[in-house]
Amino acid sequence: MKYIDFTHPEGGRFLVHLDHITSAHYRVGEGTVKSRLGLDLDERQNEIVLFGEEAERTWALLQKFIEPAS
């Protein structure tokens, strides 16, 4: 099973199965603005928003699972 884990914005660790992610939006940070990653999850869970290093690390991990367009 393919899970990603990250620090939950409200504390603790969070595990999300990749099949529950319906979309992701990543914005690279510039200057004092932190990187931002929004994960839209299926109907069982709410959206998660990560910032800074956690957003960058999680985005890099998600990239490993993306299949190239043919």
Protein backbone atom coordinates (compact mmCIF):
# COMPACT_ATOMS: atom_id res chain seq x y z
CA MET A 1 0.00 0.00 0.00
CA LYS A 2 1.22 3.47 -0.81
CA TYR A 3 0.94 5.99 1.99
CA ILE A 4 2.59 9.35 2.47
CA ASP A 5 3.16 10.81 5.91
CA PHE A 6 3.70 14.35 7.08
CA THR A 7 3.33 16.54 10.13
CA HIS A 8 -0.30 17.48 10.59
CA PRO A 9 -0.76 21.28 10.80
CA GLU A 10 -2.58 20.85 14.14
CA GLY A 11 0.11 18.57 15.59
CA GLY A 12 1.13 14.93 15.36
CA ARG A 13 1.73 12.84 12.24
CA PHE A 14 -0.77 12.18 9.44
CA LEU A 15 -0.88 9.23 7.04
CA VAL A 16 -2.77 9.51 3.75
CA HIS A 17 -3.27 6.66 1.30
CA LEU A 18 -2.47 7.89 -2.20
CA ASP A 19 -5.81 6.63 -3.50
CA HIS A 20 -7.58 9.18 -1.27
CA ILE A 21 -5.87 12.22 -2.84
CA THR A 22 -8.13 13.66 -5.53
CA SER A 23 -5.89 16.63 -6.40
CA ALA A 24 -2.86 18.56 -5.21
CA HIS A 25 -1.85 22.17 -5.72
CA TYR A 26 1.77 23.19 -5.10
CA ARG A 27 3.11 26.73 -5.12
CA VAL A 28 6.85 27.31 -4.77
CA GLY A 29 7.76 29.86 -2.13
CA GLU A 30 9.76 32.95 -3.00
CA GLY A 31 11.47 35.33 -0.60
CA THR A 32 9.53 35.45 2.65
CA VAL A 33 6.56 33.56 1.18
CA LYS A 34 6.65 29.87 2.14
CA SER A 35 5.96 27.05 -0.28
CA ARG A 36 2.37 25.81 -0.05
CA LEU A 37 0.83 22.42 -0.82
CA GLY A 38 -2.92 21.86 -0.75
CA LEU A 39 -4.17 18.28 -0.85
CA ASP A 40 -7.82 17.73 -1.73
CA LEU A 41 -8.91 14.43 -0.29
CA ASP A 42 -11.90 12.28 -1.10
CA GLU A 43 -15.22 12.63 0.69
CA ARG A 44 -13.96 10.81 3.79
CA GLN A 45 -11.50 13.55 4.78
CA ASN A 46 -11.02 17.32 4.66
CA GLU A 47 -8.47 19.29 2.68
CA ILE A 48 -4.97 19.48 4.13
CA VAL A 49 -2.69 22.50 3.61
CA LEU A 50 1.05 22.26 4.30
CA PHE A 51 3.60 25.07 4.30
CA GLY A 52 7.37 25.51 4.04
CA GLU A 53 9.73 22.58 4.26
CA GLU A 54 6.91 20.12 4.99
CA ALA A 55 5.12 21.19 1.78
CA GLU A 56 8.34 20.86 -0.24
CA ARG A 57 9.20 17.43 1.19
CA THR A 58 5.68 16.07 0.69
CA TRP A 59 5.50 17.43 -2.88
CA ALA A 60 8.84 15.77 -3.72
CA LEU A 61 7.51 12.49 -2.33
CA LEU A 62 4.30 12.76 -4.39
CA GLN A 63 6.38 13.34 -7.54
CA LYS A 64 7.77 9.81 -7.22
CA PHE A 65 4.27 8.40 -7.77
CA ILE A 66 3.30 10.50 -10.78
CA GLU A 67 3.30 8.59 -14.05
CA PRO A 68 4.69 10.57 -17.00
CA ALA A 69 2.19 11.60 -19.67
CA SER A 70 2.50 9.60 -22.85
